[in-house]
C-alpha cells in the first residue's frame, strides 16, 4: 500500500489524544468513521513534523497486525480502523512509556492510504508525551567466607533494572571510571547487570521522558 500525506480535512480528523485513568490505554476522538494511524516517536518528537519521511517505511510494514510495528529505531506505528477503535472502547492499548504518541486520521482508497495532517489549532491536541518514572537499585555484592563472619564486599555492584517499559536504545546508561556504558535490550531482559568497580556506578538518562527517582 502507498501512503501519502495530505493537508488537514475537517471531514477526516483525529484529536484529543489522552491516556485512560489506568494509564494503560491511548484514547482519542475522531470524525465519524475515520480510521487512524498511531505513531510512537522518541519523547518530545511530534510525528507531524517527521511523517513524510515515514511513508516509505510504512509501505514496507505489516500494518495489518493488531499491534505496533517498528518502522525504524525509536519509531513505531499502529493502524487502527474505525471498527477496531470502537471494539477497544475508543482507542488502543498503550505500547510503551518514555515516548511521544501522535494520532492521525486516514482513509484508504484502493491501494492508497491518505493520512491527514492535524488542523493547526490548540484544540486538536494530536500528540501526547508519556514520561516514565523508574527506580534503579544499585547495591554492592557481599559474601561471607564463613557463616559466622561479617560479609565482605567482593568488588562488584549489582544494578537491578526494570524489565518493562524502559527503551533499550542507549538513552539509559551507567557510568563507572569515567566510562559510559549504554543499557541495551539484552541487559534489560536479564533484569540485572554486574559491574566490577570499587565505587557505585552512576545511572544517567539522556531521554527526557525517562525520569530516574
Protein backbone atom coordinates (compact mmCIF):
# COMPACT_ATOMS: atom_id res chain seq x y z
CA UNK A 1 0.00 0.00 0.00
CA UNK A 2 1.17 3.50 -0.84
CA UNK A 3 0.98 6.27 1.77
CA UNK A 4 0.52 9.96 1.11
CA UNK A 5 0.36 12.92 3.49
CA UNK A 6 -2.38 15.47 2.88
CA UNK A 7 -3.46 18.83 4.27
CA UNK A 8 -5.96 18.89 7.17
CA UNK A 9 -9.52 17.85 6.33
CA UNK A 10 -12.48 18.77 8.55
CA UNK A 11 -14.26 15.60 7.40
CA UNK A 12 -11.41 13.28 8.41
CA UNK A 13 -9.52 14.24 11.56
CA UNK A 14 -8.41 12.83 14.90
CA UNK A 15 -7.86 14.83 18.07
CA UNK A 16 -7.80 14.93 21.89
CA UNK A 17 -5.24 12.17 22.35
CA UNK A 18 -5.06 11.19 26.03
CA UNK A 19 -4.36 8.36 28.47
CA UNK A 20 -7.03 6.35 30.25
CA UNK A 21 -7.33 6.72 34.02
CA UNK A 22 -5.38 3.49 34.45
CA UNK A 23 -2.63 4.77 32.12
CA UNK A 24 -2.74 1.60 30.05
CA UNK A 25 -4.78 2.75 27.05
CA UNK A 26 -4.47 5.54 24.48
CA UNK A 27 -7.81 7.25 23.81
CA UNK A 28 -8.74 9.79 21.16
CA UNK A 29 -11.70 11.32 19.34
CA UNK A 30 -12.18 11.46 15.58
CA UNK A 31 -14.74 12.24 12.93
CA UNK A 32 -17.34 9.52 12.37
CA UNK A 33 -16.00 6.51 10.53
CA UNK A 34 -12.40 7.73 10.34
CA UNK A 35 -9.57 5.24 10.51
CA UNK A 36 -6.46 6.32 12.39
CA UNK A 37 -2.71 5.85 12.36
CA UNK A 38 -0.99 5.96 15.75
CA UNK A 39 2.70 6.83 15.65
CA UNK A 40 5.15 6.41 18.52
CA UNK A 41 8.32 8.52 18.39
CA UNK A 42 11.12 9.41 20.83
CA UNK A 43 9.94 11.60 23.69
CA UNK A 44 9.29 15.18 22.59
CA UNK A 45 9.37 14.47 18.84
CA UNK A 46 5.97 15.12 17.31
CA UNK A 47 5.36 12.80 14.35
CA UNK A 48 3.55 15.50 12.37
CA UNK A 49 6.91 17.15 11.71
CA UNK A 50 8.54 13.85 10.71
CA UNK A 51 5.73 11.99 8.98
CA UNK A 52 6.58 12.47 5.28
CA UNK A 53 9.86 10.64 5.93
CA UNK A 54 7.92 7.67 7.34
CA UNK A 55 5.89 6.92 4.21
CA UNK A 56 8.40 4.52 2.65
CA UNK A 57 8.81 2.63 5.93
CA UNK A 58 5.03 2.41 6.34
CA UNK A 59 4.68 0.88 2.90
CA UNK A 60 7.09 -1.90 3.88
CA UNK A 61 5.50 -2.53 7.31
CA UNK A 62 2.83 -5.10 8.15
CA UNK A 63 0.18 -2.77 9.50
CA UNK A 64 -2.49 -5.46 9.23
CA UNK A 65 -1.32 -6.86 12.56
CA UNK A 66 -3.28 -5.58 15.56
CA UNK A 67 -0.15 -4.28 17.25
CA UNK A 68 2.58 -1.67 16.96
CA UNK A 69 5.23 -2.42 14.33
CA UNK A 70 8.67 -0.86 14.26
CA UNK A 71 9.43 1.47 11.35
CA UNK A 72 12.94 2.36 12.45
CA UNK A 73 14.88 2.82 15.69
CA UNK A 74 12.59 4.54 18.20
CA UNK A 75 9.66 4.84 15.77
CA UNK A 76 6.61 2.54 15.84
CA UNK A 77 3.22 2.63 14.15
CA UNK A 78 -0.20 1.01 14.54
CA UNK A 79 -3.13 1.20 12.13
CA UNK A 80 -6.48 1.33 13.95
CA UNK A 81 -9.62 1.07 11.85
CA UNK A 82 -12.82 2.78 12.97
CA UNK A 83 -14.28 -0.64 13.84
CA UNK A 84 -11.21 -1.71 15.83
CA UNK A 85 -11.22 1.58 17.73
CA UNK A 86 -14.90 1.06 18.65
CA UNK A 87 -14.19 -2.50 19.84
CA UNK A 88 -11.36 -1.17 22.03
CA UNK A 89 -13.61 1.47 23.61
CA UNK A 90 -12.20 4.48 21.80
CA UNK A 91 -8.51 3.79 21.43
CA UNK A 92 -5.85 1.09 21.64
CA UNK A 93 -3.54 -0.33 24.32
CA UNK A 94 -0.53 1.77 25.29
CA UNK A 95 2.63 0.32 23.75
CA UNK A 96 5.40 1.86 25.87
CA UNK A 97 6.20 4.87 28.02
CA UNK A 98 9.09 7.37 27.75
CA UNK A 99 7.94 8.34 24.26
CA UNK A 100 5.53 10.59 22.35
CA UNK A 101 2.38 9.42 20.59
CA UNK A 102 0.65 11.12 17.68
CA UNK A 103 -2.71 10.14 16.22
CA UNK A 104 -3.57 11.00 12.61
CA UNK A 105 -6.80 10.31 10.73
CA UNK A 106 -6.52 8.41 7.46
CA UNK A 107 -8.64 6.83 4.77
CA UNK A 108 -7.93 4.05 2.29
CA UNK A 109 -8.96 4.29 -1.34
CA UNK A 110 -7.86 1.30 -3.38
CA UNK A 111 -4.13 0.83 -2.79
CA UNK A 112 -3.56 4.33 -1.42
CA UNK A 113 -3.79 5.37 2.22
CA UNK A 114 -4.14 9.11 2.66
CA UNK A 115 -3.01 10.36 6.05
CA UNK A 116 -4.28 13.81 7.01
CA UNK A 117 -2.23 16.35 8.91
CA UNK A 118 -3.93 17.69 12.03
CA UNK A 119 -5.51 21.12 11.99
CA UNK A 120 -3.21 23.79 13.39
CA UNK A 121 -5.21 24.71 16.46
CA UNK A 122 -4.65 24.30 20.19
CA UNK A 123 -7.99 22.47 20.42
CA UNK A 124 -6.86 19.49 18.35
CA UNK A 125 -4.04 18.02 20.53
CA UNK A 126 -2.92 15.21 18.20
CA UNK A 127 0.19 14.38 20.25
CA UNK A 128 0.82 13.23 23.80
CA UNK A 129 4.09 12.97 25.74
CA UNK A 130 4.13 9.92 28.03
CA UNK A 131 7.02 10.08 30.52
CA UNK A 132 8.16 7.12 32.59
CA UNK A 133 9.47 7.29 36.15
CA UNK A 134 11.75 4.42 37.10
CA UNK A 135 13.75 3.36 40.13
CA UNK A 136 17.05 1.56 39.51
CA UNK A 137 18.63 -0.14 42.52
CA UNK A 138 22.45 -0.22 42.78
CA UNK A 139 23.83 -2.42 45.55
CA UNK A 140 27.26 -3.84 46.47
CA UNK A 141 27.72 -7.58 46.19
CA UNK A 142 28.69 -9.04 49.56
CA UNK A 143 29.89 -12.50 50.56
CA UNK A 144 30.56 -14.33 53.83
CA UNK A 145 33.64 -16.56 53.87
CA UNK A 146 32.19 -18.39 56.85
CA UNK A 147 28.65 -18.44 58.28
CA UNK A 148 29.81 -16.58 61.40
CA UNK A 149 31.96 -13.98 59.63
CA UNK A 150 30.96 -10.48 58.59
CA UNK A 151 30.01 -10.07 54.90
CA UNK A 152 32.72 -8.53 52.73
CA UNK A 153 32.46 -6.53 49.54
CA UNK A 154 33.73 -8.65 46.64
CA UNK A 155 34.40 -5.84 44.14
CA UNK A 156 31.13 -5.92 42.18
CA UNK A 157 27.98 -3.82 42.17
CA UNK A 158 24.62 -5.15 41.05
CA UNK A 159 22.31 -2.88 39.02
CA UNK A 160 18.71 -4.10 39.17
CA UNK A 161 16.85 -2.92 36.06
CA UNK A 162 13.11 -2.75 35.37
CA UNK A 163 12.08 -5.39 32.83
CA UNK A 164 9.23 -3.46 31.20
CA UNK A 165 8.71 -0.05 29.65
CA UNK A 166 12.33 1.09 29.51
CA UNK A 167 13.74 1.54 25.98
CA UNK A 168 16.96 -0.36 25.34
CA UNK A 169 18.21 2.25 22.90
CA UNK A 170 21.13 3.51 24.98
CA UNK A 171 19.40 6.61 26.34
CA UNK A 172 19.64 4.96 29.77
CA UNK A 173 23.22 4.16 30.76
CA UNK A 174 25.58 3.84 33.68
CA UNK A 175 28.98 5.40 34.17
CA UNK A 176 31.91 3.86 36.02
CA UNK A 177 35.51 5.00 35.98
CA UNK A 178 34.62 7.81 33.60
CA UNK A 179 33.25 5.34 31.03
CA UNK A 180 29.62 5.48 29.90
CA UNK A 181 28.00 2.12 29.19
CA UNK A 182 24.63 2.16 27.34
CA UNK A 183 21.95 -0.17 28.70
CA UNK A 184 20.66 -2.40 25.92
CA UNK A 185 17.60 -4.58 25.39
CA UNK A 186 19.74 -7.61 26.29
CA UNK A 187 20.65 -6.13 29.67
CA UNK A 188 17.02 -5.25 30.36
CA UNK A 189 15.97 -8.82 29.52
CA UNK A 190 18.43 -10.14 32.10
CA UNK A 191 17.00 -7.82 34.74
CA UNK A 192 20.36 -7.20 36.41
CA UNK A 193 23.88 -6.11 35.45
CA UNK A 194 27.03 -6.79 37.48
CA UNK A 195 29.76 -4.15 37.31
CA UNK A 196 33.29 -4.59 38.61
CA UNK A 197 34.14 -1.39 40.45
CA UNK A 198 35.26 -0.01 43.81
CA UNK A 199 32.67 2.79 43.66
CA UNK A 200 28.94 2.56 42.85
CA UNK A 201 28.05 3.08 39.17
CA UNK A 202 26.01 6.19 38.42
CA UNK A 203 22.82 5.90 36.37
CA UNK A 204 22.29 8.52 33.66
CA UNK A 205 19.29 9.22 31.43
CA UNK A 206 19.62 11.30 28.27
CA UNK A 207 15.98 10.59 27.41
CA UNK A 208 13.89 13.50 28.77
CA UNK A 209 10.94 11.12 29.01
CA UNK A 210 12.79 8.75 31.30
CA UNK A 211 12.84 10.10 34.85
CA UNK A 212 15.12 8.46 37.42
CA UNK A 213 13.90 8.56 41.02
